[in-house]
Protein backbone atom coordinates (compact mmCIF):
# COMPACT_ATOMS: atom_id res chain seq x y z
CA MET A 1 62.00 -28.06 -18.77
CA ASN A 2 62.88 -27.02 -22.28
CA LEU A 3 60.48 -26.25 -25.12
CA HIS A 4 60.82 -29.74 -26.60
CA ASP A 5 59.81 -31.32 -23.22
CA LEU A 6 56.95 -28.79 -22.89
CA SER A 7 55.62 -29.72 -26.28
CA ASN A 8 55.81 -33.47 -25.47
CA HIS A 9 54.00 -32.97 -22.15
CA ALA A 10 51.37 -30.67 -23.62
CA HIS A 11 50.48 -33.05 -26.48
CA ALA A 12 50.25 -35.86 -23.92
CA GLY A 13 47.80 -33.71 -21.85
CA HIS A 14 49.99 -33.42 -18.81
CA ILE A 15 50.26 -29.67 -18.63
CA ASP A 16 47.66 -28.17 -16.22
CA GLU A 17 48.45 -24.51 -17.27
CA LEU A 18 51.02 -22.20 -18.51
CA ASN A 19 51.93 -18.98 -16.62
CA LEU A 20 53.69 -16.08 -18.26
CA ILE A 21 55.23 -14.14 -15.43
CA SER A 22 55.73 -10.40 -16.04
CA MET A 23 58.75 -9.20 -14.20
CA GLU A 24 59.99 -5.66 -13.65
CA GLY A 25 62.04 -4.35 -16.51
CA GLY A 26 59.88 -5.84 -19.31
CA ILE A 27 61.14 -9.39 -18.85
CA TYR A 28 58.73 -12.35 -18.99
CA LEU A 29 59.34 -15.83 -17.67
CA LEU A 30 57.29 -18.86 -18.63
CA GLU A 31 56.46 -21.69 -16.34
CA ALA A 32 54.44 -24.84 -16.88
CA GLN A 33 52.27 -26.20 -14.09
CA MET A 34 52.30 -29.96 -14.07
CA ASP A 35 51.32 -32.36 -11.26
CA GLY A 36 50.96 -29.44 -8.83
CA ARG A 37 54.50 -28.20 -9.50
CA ALA A 38 55.91 -25.20 -11.36
CA HIS A 39 58.42 -26.01 -14.11
CA PRO A 40 60.24 -22.92 -15.37
CA LEU A 41 61.16 -23.05 -19.04
CA SER A 42 64.83 -23.05 -19.98
CA ASP A 43 66.66 -22.36 -23.22
CA SER A 44 68.97 -24.78 -25.06
CA ARG A 45 71.85 -23.99 -22.61
CA GLY A 46 69.70 -24.70 -19.56
CA ALA A 47 69.40 -21.03 -18.58
CA THR A 48 66.02 -19.55 -17.68
CA LEU A 49 64.16 -18.58 -20.86
CA HIS A 50 63.53 -14.82 -20.97
CA LEU A 51 60.73 -13.61 -23.25
CA ARG A 52 60.09 -10.06 -24.57
CA SER A 53 56.29 -9.94 -24.57
CA VAL A 54 53.05 -11.81 -24.64
CA GLU A 55 53.32 -12.03 -28.37
CA HIS A 56 56.77 -13.36 -28.18
CA ALA A 57 55.46 -16.15 -25.89
CA ARG A 58 52.58 -16.83 -28.28
CA ASP A 59 54.97 -17.13 -31.23
CA LEU A 60 57.11 -19.54 -29.28
CA LEU A 61 54.10 -21.65 -28.18
CA HIS A 62 52.13 -21.62 -31.46
CA GLU A 63 52.43 -25.38 -32.03
CA LEU A 64 51.13 -26.42 -28.60
CA PRO A 65 47.57 -27.70 -28.15
CA LYS A 66 45.15 -25.44 -26.35
CA VAL A 67 45.99 -25.25 -22.65
CA PRO A 68 45.07 -22.70 -20.00
CA PHE A 69 47.42 -19.75 -20.38
CA ASN A 70 47.73 -16.94 -17.76
CA LEU A 71 49.53 -13.60 -17.54
CA VAL A 72 50.84 -13.28 -14.00
CA HIS A 73 52.03 -9.92 -12.60
CA ALA A 74 54.43 -10.48 -9.74
CA VAL A 75 54.25 -8.28 -6.62
CA VAL A 76 56.97 -5.60 -7.09
CA HIS A 77 57.98 -5.71 -3.42
CA ASP A 78 58.52 -9.49 -3.64
CA GLU A 79 60.58 -9.04 -6.84
CA MET A 80 62.78 -6.40 -5.21
CA CYS A 81 63.37 -8.74 -2.22
CA GLY A 82 64.19 -11.69 -4.42
CA MET A 83 61.09 -13.67 -3.37
CA PRO A 84 59.69 -16.22 -5.93
CA ALA A 85 56.63 -15.20 -7.96
CA GLY A 86 53.45 -16.20 -6.20
CA SER A 87 54.71 -15.87 -2.72
CA GLN A 88 52.01 -13.27 -1.99
CA ASP A 89 48.86 -12.38 -3.80
CA CYS A 90 49.53 -11.59 -7.42
CA LEU A 91 47.38 -10.62 -10.39
CA LYS A 92 46.73 -13.69 -12.57
CA VAL A 93 44.73 -13.07 -15.71
CA PRO A 94 43.64 -15.78 -18.19
CA ILE A 95 44.71 -14.87 -21.74
CA SER A 96 44.41 -16.65 -25.06
CA LEU A 97 47.32 -18.83 -26.26
CA ARG A 98 46.61 -17.58 -29.83
CA SER A 99 46.53 -13.96 -31.11
CA GLY A 100 43.08 -12.74 -31.94
CA TRP A 101 41.13 -15.49 -30.17
């Protein structure tokens, strides 16, 4: 899913939540939960979209309607083994989609 698709789905009310996944090394990945499935966001070339911070994600998503937004910290052991995020217990914290809210 790219940003244009995400925007269309969000404005149509189809996005259940957005998860910003914090990976080791200061990389953040964004996924949209829709219809019980995770849809990772990709850039214009189709590669996984890598973000620098929570604020970078907020800047990118500023035109979206309000949807639940979570910061997810992956389990380091799972990351090192190449397991997908969420394969074990992880820390999932609701955060605001807008700065200062």
